[in-house]
Amino acid sequence: MDGMTVLWIVVALAVLVILVALIAGASKTSSKRRAEHQRQQAEAQRQEAYEKEQESRIAAAHAERQHAAADEVDARAKRAQAESEEKAAEARRLSAGATERREAAKTADREADKHHSEAAAKMPDHGAEEGNMPHAGDVPNAARPQPTETDARPAAESHWADGNHPHDPRRPNHTKQ
């Protein structure tokens, strides 16, 4: 082999070594870039996961507030329902009391009629002449004295119980027959 061929072989080998070195360097740079890119992607994914976790916590807190508000409204509704049922029970009780008082008033009217009839039978001339003994059926309900809750006497006794009836023996100018 001559000198020139050896020189060309050495130059070719040197070029080849340089090319291999350049390719290896480019490969290292490329792998570094790839590794950096992957690291950046992983960091971006971690950041996105953190943001999603924060959004999840915010949404969970909002849902918890909504549950608490719903529970509060439900409790208020139950209280209102209980109060409504209590008022309805009181209304039924008062209605029953009113019915009972009406029956008592009817009984008192019948008793007053009975007493009036008995009094008229015993003194037919005085009651009819003077007109002082009105028959309970003759007096309209609006004109009759109505007993109040504080009135301790029954309705039948309250009208002439004080001794002011014209035929009451306790009356000073009572005339005996």
N, C-alpha and C. Protein backbone atom coordinates (compact mmCIF):
# COMPACT_ATOMS: atom_id res chain seq x y z
N MET A 1 0.83 -1.11 0.00
CA MET A 1 0.00 0.00 0.00
C MET A 1 0.90 1.21 0.00
N ASP A 2 0.45 2.04 -0.65
CA ASP A 2 1.31 3.20 -0.76
C ASP A 2 0.91 4.21 0.31
N GLY A 3 1.60 5.26 0.47
CA GLY A 3 1.46 6.26 1.53
C GLY A 3 0.17 7.04 1.40
N MET A 4 -0.18 7.21 0.18
CA MET A 4 -1.40 8.00 -0.05
C MET A 4 -2.63 7.21 0.33
N THR A 5 -2.69 6.02 0.14
CA THR A 5 -3.83 5.18 0.47
C THR A 5 -3.95 5.09 1.97
N VAL A 6 -2.82 4.95 2.63
CA VAL A 6 -2.84 4.87 4.09
C VAL A 6 -3.38 6.20 4.63
N LEU A 7 -2.90 7.27 4.02
CA LEU A 7 -3.35 8.59 4.46
C LEU A 7 -4.86 8.71 4.26
N TRP A 8 -5.33 8.22 3.12
CA TRP A 8 -6.78 8.30 2.87
C TRP A 8 -7.54 7.39 3.82
N ILE A 9 -7.00 6.30 4.17
CA ILE A 9 -7.66 5.39 5.11
C ILE A 9 -7.70 6.06 6.48
N VAL A 10 -6.60 6.68 6.90
CA VAL A 10 -6.55 7.37 8.20
C VAL A 10 -7.54 8.53 8.19
N VAL A 11 -7.57 9.28 7.10
CA VAL A 11 -8.50 10.41 7.00
C VAL A 11 -9.93 9.88 7.04
N ALA A 12 -10.18 8.79 6.33
CA ALA A 12 -11.53 8.22 6.31
C ALA A 12 -11.91 7.74 7.69
N LEU A 13 -10.94 7.12 8.38
CA LEU A 13 -11.22 6.67 9.75
C LEU A 13 -11.46 7.87 10.67
N ALA A 14 -10.69 8.90 10.49
CA ALA A 14 -10.86 10.11 11.32
C ALA A 14 -12.22 10.72 11.05
N VAL A 15 -12.61 10.76 9.78
CA VAL A 15 -13.92 11.31 9.43
C VAL A 15 -15.01 10.43 10.04
N LEU A 16 -14.77 9.12 9.93
CA LEU A 16 -15.72 8.18 10.49
C LEU A 16 -15.85 8.35 12.01
N VAL A 17 -14.72 8.51 12.69
CA VAL A 17 -14.72 8.71 14.14
C VAL A 17 -15.43 10.03 14.47
N ILE A 18 -15.17 11.05 13.68
CA ILE A 18 -15.81 12.35 13.91
C ILE A 18 -17.32 12.23 13.69
N LEU A 19 -17.71 11.52 12.62
CA LEU A 19 -19.14 11.32 12.36
C LEU A 19 -19.80 10.54 13.49
N VAL A 20 -19.13 9.50 13.98
CA VAL A 20 -19.68 8.70 15.08
C VAL A 20 -19.80 9.58 16.32
N ALA A 21 -18.76 10.41 16.55
CA ALA A 21 -18.79 11.30 17.71
C ALA A 21 -19.93 12.31 17.57
N LEU A 22 -20.11 12.86 16.39
CA LEU A 22 -21.20 13.82 16.16
C LEU A 22 -22.57 13.15 16.33
N ILE A 23 -22.71 11.95 15.81
CA ILE A 23 -23.97 11.21 15.93
C ILE A 23 -24.22 10.88 17.40
N ALA A 24 -23.17 10.45 18.10
CA ALA A 24 -23.31 10.13 19.52
C ALA A 24 -23.66 11.38 20.30
N GLY A 25 -23.03 12.50 19.96
CA GLY A 25 -23.34 13.77 20.64
C GLY A 25 -24.77 14.21 20.36
N ALA A 26 -25.16 14.07 19.11
CA ALA A 26 -26.53 14.44 18.74
C ALA A 26 -27.51 13.53 19.44
N SER A 27 -27.16 12.27 19.55
CA SER A 27 -28.02 11.31 20.22
C SER A 27 -28.16 11.66 21.70
N LYS A 28 -27.04 12.03 22.33
CA LYS A 28 -27.09 12.43 23.75
C LYS A 28 -27.95 13.68 23.92
N THR A 29 -27.78 14.63 23.04
CA THR A 29 -28.54 15.87 23.10
C THR A 29 -30.02 15.58 22.88
N SER A 30 -30.28 14.70 21.94
CA SER A 30 -31.66 14.33 21.66
C SER A 30 -32.27 13.61 22.86
N SER A 31 -31.54 12.71 23.48
CA SER A 31 -32.07 11.99 24.64
C SER A 31 -32.23 12.94 25.83
N LYS A 32 -31.31 13.92 25.95
CA LYS A 32 -31.45 14.93 27.01
C LYS A 32 -32.70 15.76 26.77
N ARG A 33 -32.88 16.14 25.51
CA ARG A 33 -34.08 16.92 25.18
C ARG A 33 -35.34 16.11 25.46
N ARG A 34 -35.31 14.83 25.07
CA ARG A 34 -36.45 13.96 25.31
C ARG A 34 -36.71 13.82 26.81
N ALA A 35 -35.64 13.62 27.57
CA ALA A 35 -35.77 13.48 29.02
C ALA A 35 -36.31 14.78 29.63
N GLU A 36 -35.80 15.91 29.16
CA GLU A 36 -36.28 17.21 29.65
C GLU A 36 -37.77 17.40 29.29
N HIS A 37 -38.09 17.03 28.08
CA HIS A 37 -39.48 17.15 27.62
C HIS A 37 -40.40 16.25 28.48
N GLN A 38 -39.96 15.03 28.74
CA GLN A 38 -40.75 14.12 29.57
C GLN A 38 -40.88 14.65 31.00
N ARG A 39 -39.79 15.22 31.51
CA ARG A 39 -39.81 15.79 32.86
C ARG A 39 -40.80 16.96 32.91
N GLN A 40 -40.78 17.79 31.85
CA GLN A 40 -41.71 18.92 31.80
C GLN A 40 -43.16 18.43 31.69
N GLN A 41 -43.38 17.37 30.89
CA GLN A 41 -44.72 16.81 30.78
C GLN A 41 -45.19 16.25 32.12
N ALA A 42 -44.29 15.55 32.81
CA ALA A 42 -44.63 14.99 34.13
C ALA A 42 -44.95 16.12 35.11
N GLU A 43 -44.17 17.18 35.05
CA GLU A 43 -44.44 18.33 35.94
C GLU A 43 -45.78 18.96 35.59
N ALA A 44 -46.08 19.08 34.31
CA ALA A 44 -47.36 19.64 33.87
C ALA A 44 -48.52 18.75 34.34
N GLN A 45 -48.31 17.44 34.26
CA GLN A 45 -49.36 16.52 34.72
C GLN A 45 -49.55 16.62 36.24
N ARG A 46 -48.43 16.74 36.97
CA ARG A 46 -48.54 16.92 38.43
C ARG A 46 -49.27 18.21 38.76
N GLN A 47 -48.95 19.29 38.03
CA GLN A 47 -49.62 20.57 38.26
C GLN A 47 -51.12 20.45 37.95
N GLU A 48 -51.45 19.79 36.85
CA GLU A 48 -52.85 19.61 36.47
C GLU A 48 -53.58 18.75 37.51
N ALA A 49 -52.90 17.70 38.00
CA ALA A 49 -53.50 16.85 39.03
C ALA A 49 -53.73 17.66 40.32
N TYR A 50 -52.79 18.51 40.69
CA TYR A 50 -52.94 19.37 41.88
C TYR A 50 -54.14 20.31 41.72
N GLU A 51 -54.26 20.92 40.53
CA GLU A 51 -55.37 21.82 40.28
C GLU A 51 -56.71 21.08 40.33
N LYS A 52 -56.75 19.87 39.76
CA LYS A 52 -57.97 19.06 39.81
C LYS A 52 -58.32 18.69 41.25
N GLU A 53 -57.30 18.38 42.04
CA GLU A 53 -57.52 18.05 43.45
C GLU A 53 -58.10 19.26 44.20
N GLN A 54 -57.56 20.45 43.90
CA GLN A 54 -58.08 21.67 44.53
C GLN A 54 -59.54 21.90 44.11
N GLU A 55 -59.83 21.73 42.83
CA GLU A 55 -61.21 21.88 42.35
C GLU A 55 -62.13 20.87 43.03
N SER A 56 -61.62 19.64 43.21
CA SER A 56 -62.39 18.60 43.89
C SER A 56 -62.70 18.99 45.33
N ARG A 57 -61.71 19.53 46.03
CA ARG A 57 -61.93 19.97 47.43
C ARG A 57 -62.95 21.11 47.49
N ILE A 58 -62.84 22.04 46.55
CA ILE A 58 -63.79 23.17 46.52
C ILE A 58 -65.20 22.64 46.25
N ALA A 59 -65.32 21.73 45.28
CA ALA A 59 -66.63 21.16 44.96
C ALA A 59 -67.19 20.37 46.14
N ALA A 60 -66.33 19.62 46.86
CA ALA A 60 -66.78 18.86 48.03
C ALA A 60 -67.25 19.80 49.14
N ALA A 61 -66.53 20.90 49.34
CA ALA A 61 -66.94 21.87 50.36
C ALA A 61 -68.28 22.51 49.98
N HIS A 62 -68.45 22.82 48.70
CA HIS A 62 -69.71 23.39 48.22
C HIS A 62 -70.84 22.39 48.42
N ALA A 63 -70.59 21.12 48.09
CA ALA A 63 -71.62 20.08 48.27
C ALA A 63 -71.97 19.94 49.75
N GLU A 64 -70.99 20.01 50.62
CA GLU A 64 -71.23 19.91 52.07
C GLU A 64 -72.10 21.08 52.55
N ARG A 65 -71.81 22.28 52.05
CA ARG A 65 -72.65 23.44 52.42
C ARG A 65 -74.07 23.25 51.92
N GLN A 66 -74.22 22.70 50.71
CA GLN A 66 -75.56 22.45 50.16
C GLN A 66 -76.30 21.42 51.01
N HIS A 67 -75.60 20.37 51.45
CA HIS A 67 -76.23 19.37 52.31
C HIS A 67 -76.67 20.00 53.64
N ALA A 68 -75.81 20.83 54.21
CA ALA A 68 -76.15 21.48 55.48
C ALA A 68 -77.36 22.39 55.30
N ALA A 69 -77.40 23.14 54.21
CA ALA A 69 -78.55 24.02 53.94
C ALA A 69 -79.82 23.20 53.75
N ALA A 70 -79.72 22.09 53.04
CA ALA A 70 -80.89 21.23 52.83
C ALA A 70 -81.37 20.64 54.15
N ASP A 71 -80.44 20.23 55.01
CA ASP A 71 -80.82 19.70 56.33
C ASP A 71 -81.51 20.77 57.16
N GLU A 72 -81.00 22.00 57.09
CA GLU A 72 -81.60 23.10 57.85
C GLU A 72 -83.02 23.39 57.36
N VAL A 73 -83.20 23.43 56.06
CA VAL A 73 -84.53 23.68 55.50
C VAL A 73 -85.48 22.54 55.86
N ASP A 74 -84.97 21.32 55.83
CA ASP A 74 -85.79 20.16 56.20
C ASP A 74 -86.21 20.25 57.67
N ALA A 75 -85.29 20.65 58.52
CA ALA A 75 -85.62 20.79 59.95
C ALA A 75 -86.66 21.88 60.15
N ARG A 76 -86.53 23.00 59.43
CA ARG A 76 -87.53 24.07 59.54
C ARG A 76 -88.89 23.59 59.05
N ALA A 77 -88.89 22.82 57.97
CA ALA A 77 -90.16 22.29 57.44
C ALA A 77 -90.81 21.36 58.44
N LYS A 78 -90.02 20.52 59.10
CA LYS A 78 -90.57 19.60 60.11
C LYS A 78 -91.12 20.38 61.30
N ARG A 79 -90.41 21.45 61.71
CA ARG A 79 -90.91 22.28 62.81
C ARG A 79 -92.23 22.93 62.43
N ALA A 80 -92.30 23.46 61.21
CA ALA A 80 -93.53 24.11 60.75
C ALA A 80 -94.66 23.10 60.67
N GLN A 81 -94.37 21.89 60.22
CA GLN A 81 -95.39 20.84 60.15
C GLN A 81 -95.89 20.50 61.55
N ALA A 82 -94.96 20.38 62.50
CA ALA A 82 -95.36 20.07 63.88
C ALA A 82 -96.22 21.19 64.46
N GLU A 83 -95.83 22.44 64.20
CA GLU A 83 -96.62 23.56 64.68
C GLU A 83 -98.01 23.56 64.04
N SER A 84 -98.05 23.24 62.76
CA SER A 84 -99.33 23.18 62.05
C SER A 84 -100.22 22.09 62.65
N GLU A 85 -99.65 20.94 62.93
CA GLU A 85 -100.44 19.85 63.53
C GLU A 85 -100.90 20.24 64.93
N GLU A 86 -100.03 20.95 65.67
CA GLU A 86 -100.41 21.41 67.01
C GLU A 86 -101.58 22.40 66.93
N LYS A 87 -101.51 23.32 65.96
CA LYS A 87 -102.59 24.30 65.78
C LYS A 87 -103.88 23.60 65.38
N ALA A 88 -103.78 22.59 64.51
CA ALA A 88 -104.97 21.86 64.08
C ALA A 88 -105.59 21.12 65.26
N ALA A 89 -104.76 20.54 66.11
CA ALA A 89 -105.28 19.85 67.29
C ALA A 89 -105.96 20.84 68.23
N GLU A 90 -105.36 22.03 68.39
CA GLU A 90 -105.97 23.05 69.24
C GLU A 90 -107.30 23.51 68.64
N ALA A 91 -107.35 23.66 67.32
CA ALA A 91 -108.60 24.06 66.66
C ALA A 91 -109.68 23.00 66.87
N ARG A 92 -109.31 21.73 66.76
CA ARG A 92 -110.30 20.66 67.00
C ARG A 92 -110.78 20.70 68.45
N ARG A 93 -109.85 20.91 69.38
CA ARG A 93 -110.21 20.97 70.80
C ARG A 93 -111.15 22.15 71.07
N LEU A 94 -110.83 23.31 70.49
CA LEU A 94 -111.68 24.48 70.69
C LEU A 94 -113.05 24.29 70.04
N SER A 95 -113.08 23.65 68.89
CA SER A 95 -114.35 23.39 68.22
C SER A 95 -115.21 22.45 69.07
N ALA A 96 -114.56 21.43 69.63
CA ALA A 96 -115.30 20.51 70.50
C ALA A 96 -115.82 21.25 71.73
N GLY A 97 -115.01 22.16 72.27
CA GLY A 97 -115.45 22.96 73.42
C GLY A 97 -116.63 23.85 73.06
N ALA A 98 -116.58 24.43 71.86
CA ALA A 98 -117.69 25.29 71.42
C ALA A 98 -118.96 24.46 71.26
N THR A 99 -118.84 23.27 70.70
CA THR A 99 -120.00 22.39 70.55
C THR A 99 -120.56 22.03 71.92
N GLU A 100 -119.68 21.74 72.85
CA GLU A 100 -120.09 21.41 74.22
C GLU A 100 -120.82 22.59 74.86
N ARG A 101 -120.31 23.79 74.66
CA ARG A 101 -120.97 24.99 75.23
C ARG A 101 -122.33 25.22 74.58
N ARG A 102 -122.43 24.98 73.26
CA ARG A 102 -123.74 25.13 72.60
C ARG A 102 -124.76 24.17 73.20
N GLU A 103 -124.33 22.93 73.43
CA GLU A 103 -125.22 21.94 74.03
C GLU A 103 -125.61 22.38 75.44
N ALA A 104 -124.65 22.92 76.18
CA ALA A 104 -124.95 23.41 77.53
C ALA A 104 -125.93 24.58 77.46
N ALA A 105 -125.76 25.45 76.45
CA ALA A 105 -126.69 26.58 76.30
C ALA A 105 -128.09 26.09 75.95
N LYS A 106 -128.19 25.07 75.10
CA LYS A 106 -129.50 24.51 74.76
C LYS A 106 -130.15 23.90 75.99
N THR A 107 -129.35 23.21 76.80
CA THR A 107 -129.86 22.61 78.03
C THR A 107 -130.34 23.71 78.96
N ALA A 108 -129.57 24.80 79.05
CA ALA A 108 -129.97 25.93 79.91
C ALA A 108 -131.25 26.57 79.38
N ASP A 109 -131.39 26.68 78.05
CA ASP A 109 -132.64 27.21 77.48
C ASP A 109 -133.82 26.33 77.84
N ARG A 110 -133.65 25.02 77.73
CA ARG A 110 -134.75 24.11 78.08
C ARG A 110 -135.10 24.23 79.56
N GLU A 111 -134.06 24.35 80.39
CA GLU A 111 -134.30 24.48 81.83
C GLU A 111 -135.00 25.80 82.14
N ALA A 112 -134.60 26.87 81.44
CA ALA A 112 -135.26 28.16 81.65
C ALA A 112 -136.72 28.09 81.22
N ASP A 113 -136.98 27.43 80.08
CA ASP A 113 -138.37 27.24 79.64
C ASP A 113 -139.15 26.45 80.67
N LYS A 114 -138.54 25.42 81.22
CA LYS A 114 -139.21 24.59 82.22
C LYS A 114 -139.53 25.44 83.45
N HIS A 115 -138.55 26.21 83.91
CA HIS A 115 -138.79 27.07 85.09
C HIS A 115 -139.85 28.11 84.78
N HIS A 116 -139.82 28.66 83.59
CA HIS A 116 -140.82 29.64 83.20
C HIS A 116 -142.21 29.02 83.21
N SER A 117 -142.30 27.82 82.66
CA SER A 117 -143.60 27.13 82.63
C SER A 117 -144.08 26.84 84.04
N GLU A 118 -143.16 26.42 84.90
CA GLU A 118 -143.54 26.14 86.29
C GLU A 118 -143.98 27.43 86.98
N ALA A 119 -143.25 28.51 86.74
CA ALA A 119 -143.61 29.79 87.36
C ALA A 119 -144.94 30.28 86.82
N ALA A 120 -145.19 30.12 85.54
CA ALA A 120 -146.45 30.55 84.94
C ALA A 120 -147.60 29.71 85.46
N ALA A 121 -147.35 28.43 85.71
CA ALA A 121 -148.39 27.56 86.23
C ALA A 121 -148.76 27.93 87.66
N LYS A 122 -147.78 28.37 88.42
CA LYS A 122 -148.03 28.73 89.81
C LYS A 122 -148.65 30.12 89.94
N MET A 123 -148.28 31.06 89.01
CA MET A 123 -148.79 32.41 89.06
C MET A 123 -149.25 32.83 87.68
N PRO A 124 -150.31 32.26 87.19
CA PRO A 124 -150.71 32.58 85.83
C PRO A 124 -151.22 34.00 85.66
N ASP A 125 -151.86 34.57 86.66
CA ASP A 125 -152.42 35.90 86.48
C ASP A 125 -151.38 37.01 86.54
N HIS A 126 -150.39 36.92 87.39
CA HIS A 126 -149.38 37.98 87.54
C HIS A 126 -148.44 38.05 86.35
N GLY A 127 -147.95 36.95 85.90
CA GLY A 127 -146.96 36.95 84.80
C GLY A 127 -147.58 37.42 83.50
N ALA A 128 -148.83 37.05 83.26
CA ALA A 128 -149.46 37.42 82.00
C ALA A 128 -149.89 38.87 82.01
N GLU A 129 -150.34 39.36 83.18
CA GLU A 129 -150.83 40.74 83.25
C GLU A 129 -149.69 41.74 83.15
N GLU A 130 -148.68 41.55 83.97
CA GLU A 130 -147.60 42.54 84.02
C GLU A 130 -146.64 42.42 82.85
N GLY A 131 -146.55 41.27 82.28
CA GLY A 131 -145.61 41.08 81.16
C GLY A 131 -144.16 41.09 81.60
N ASN A 132 -143.95 40.84 82.89
CA ASN A 132 -142.59 40.88 83.43
C ASN A 132 -141.84 39.57 83.29
N MET A 133 -142.55 38.53 82.90
CA MET A 133 -141.89 37.24 82.81
C MET A 133 -141.82 36.82 81.35
N PRO A 134 -140.84 37.26 80.65
CA PRO A 134 -140.75 36.87 79.25
C PRO A 134 -140.44 35.39 79.15
N HIS A 135 -141.03 34.76 78.21
CA HIS A 135 -140.77 33.35 77.94
C HIS A 135 -139.45 33.27 77.18
N ALA A 136 -138.63 32.28 77.52
CA ALA A 136 -137.30 32.18 76.90
C ALA A 136 -137.40 32.06 75.39
N GLY A 137 -138.48 31.48 74.89
CA GLY A 137 -138.66 31.36 73.45
C GLY A 137 -139.05 32.67 72.81
N ASP A 138 -139.57 33.64 73.62
CA ASP A 138 -139.99 34.93 73.07
C ASP A 138 -138.83 35.90 72.90
N VAL A 139 -137.76 35.69 73.62
CA VAL A 139 -136.63 36.62 73.58
C VAL A 139 -135.65 36.12 72.51
N PRO A 140 -135.31 36.98 71.53
CA PRO A 140 -134.36 36.53 70.50
C PRO A 140 -132.99 36.24 71.12
N ASN A 141 -132.24 35.34 70.48
CA ASN A 141 -130.94 34.93 71.02
C ASN A 141 -130.01 36.12 71.20
N ALA A 142 -130.07 37.09 70.30
CA ALA A 142 -129.16 38.24 70.41
C ALA A 142 -129.48 39.07 71.64
N ALA A 143 -130.75 39.09 72.08
CA ALA A 143 -131.13 39.91 73.23
C ALA A 143 -130.91 39.18 74.54
N ARG A 144 -130.76 37.88 74.51
CA ARG A 144 -130.53 37.12 75.73
C ARG A 144 -129.13 37.41 76.25
N PRO A 145 -128.99 37.53 77.54
CA PRO A 145 -127.64 37.72 78.09
C PRO A 145 -126.84 36.43 77.86
N GLN A 146 -125.66 36.60 77.31
CA GLN A 146 -124.82 35.44 77.01
C GLN A 146 -123.79 35.26 78.13
N PRO A 147 -123.67 34.06 78.64
CA PRO A 147 -122.67 33.85 79.69
C PRO A 147 -121.27 33.95 79.10
N THR A 148 -120.37 34.46 79.88
CA THR A 148 -118.98 34.55 79.45
C THR A 148 -118.19 33.45 80.12
N GLU A 149 -116.93 33.30 79.74
CA GLU A 149 -116.10 32.26 80.34
C GLU A 149 -115.86 32.55 81.81
N THR A 150 -115.84 33.83 82.19
CA THR A 150 -115.56 34.18 83.58
C THR A 150 -116.82 34.15 84.43
N ASP A 151 -117.98 34.00 83.81
CA ASP A 151 -119.24 33.96 84.54
C ASP A 151 -119.35 32.61 85.23
N ALA A 152 -119.40 32.61 86.56
CA ALA A 152 -119.42 31.37 87.31
C ALA A 152 -120.81 30.77 87.37
N ARG A 153 -121.87 31.59 87.22
CA ARG A 153 -123.24 31.10 87.33
C ARG A 153 -123.72 30.57 85.99
N PRO A 154 -124.55 29.54 86.00
CA PRO A 154 -125.13 29.08 84.75
C PRO A 154 -126.06 30.13 84.18
N ALA A 155 -126.33 30.04 82.89
CA ALA A 155 -127.14 31.04 82.20
C ALA A 155 -128.55 31.11 82.78
N ALA A 156 -129.13 30.00 83.22
CA ALA A 156 -130.50 29.99 83.73
C ALA A 156 -130.62 30.75 85.04
N GLU A 157 -129.59 30.77 85.85
CA GLU A 157 -129.64 31.43 87.15
C GLU A 157 -129.30 32.91 87.06
N SER A 158 -128.62 33.35 86.05
CA SER A 158 -128.08 34.69 86.03
C SER A 158 -129.14 35.78 85.82
N HIS A 159 -130.31 35.44 85.27
CA HIS A 159 -131.26 36.48 84.91
C HIS A 159 -131.98 37.07 86.12
N TRP A 160 -132.59 36.24 86.99
CA TRP A 160 -133.35 36.75 88.13
C TRP A 160 -132.77 36.29 89.46
N ALA A 161 -131.57 35.79 89.47
CA ALA A 161 -131.00 35.22 90.69
C ALA A 161 -130.70 36.27 91.75
N ASP A 162 -130.68 37.52 91.40
CA ASP A 162 -130.33 38.56 92.37
C ASP A 162 -131.52 39.02 93.21
N GLY A 163 -132.70 38.41 93.02
CA GLY A 163 -133.86 38.77 93.82
C GLY A 163 -134.67 39.91 93.26
N ASN A 164 -134.46 40.33 92.05
CA ASN A 164 -135.18 41.46 91.46
C ASN A 164 -136.40 41.04 90.65
N HIS A 165 -136.69 39.77 90.61
CA HIS A 165 -137.88 39.31 89.89
C HIS A 165 -139.10 39.86 90.61
N PRO A 166 -140.12 40.33 89.87
CA PRO A 166 -141.29 40.96 90.52
C PRO A 166 -142.01 40.03 91.50
N HIS A 167 -141.92 38.75 91.31
CA HIS A 167 -142.63 37.83 92.18
C HIS A 167 -141.71 37.12 93.16
N ASP A 168 -140.48 37.61 93.32
CA ASP A 168 -139.53 37.01 94.24
C ASP A 168 -139.90 37.43 95.66
N PRO A 169 -140.06 36.47 96.58
CA PRO A 169 -140.44 36.83 97.95
C PRO A 169 -139.40 37.69 98.65
N ARG A 170 -138.21 37.75 98.19
CA ARG A 170 -137.18 38.57 98.81
C ARG A 170 -137.35 40.03 98.45
N ARG A 171 -138.15 40.29 97.47
CA ARG A 171 -138.37 41.67 97.01
C ARG A 171 -139.24 42.39 98.03
N PRO A 172 -138.92 43.66 98.36
CA PRO A 172 -139.64 44.38 99.43
C PRO A 172 -141.14 44.59 99.12
N ASN A 173 -141.52 44.88 97.89
CA ASN A 173 -142.93 45.16 97.63
C ASN A 173 -143.61 43.96 96.96
N HIS A 174 -143.18 42.78 97.38
CA HIS A 174 -143.78 41.55 96.87
C HIS A 174 -145.18 41.39 97.46
N THR A 175 -146.08 41.02 96.58
CA THR A 175 -147.46 40.81 97.06
C THR A 175 -147.74 39.34 97.14
N LYS A 176 -148.28 38.93 98.25
CA LYS A 176 -148.61 37.51 98.44
C LYS A 176 -150.00 37.26 97.94
N GLN A 177 -150.26 36.09 97.46
CA GLN A 177 -151.56 35.75 96.97
C GLN A 177 -152.23 34.73 97.82
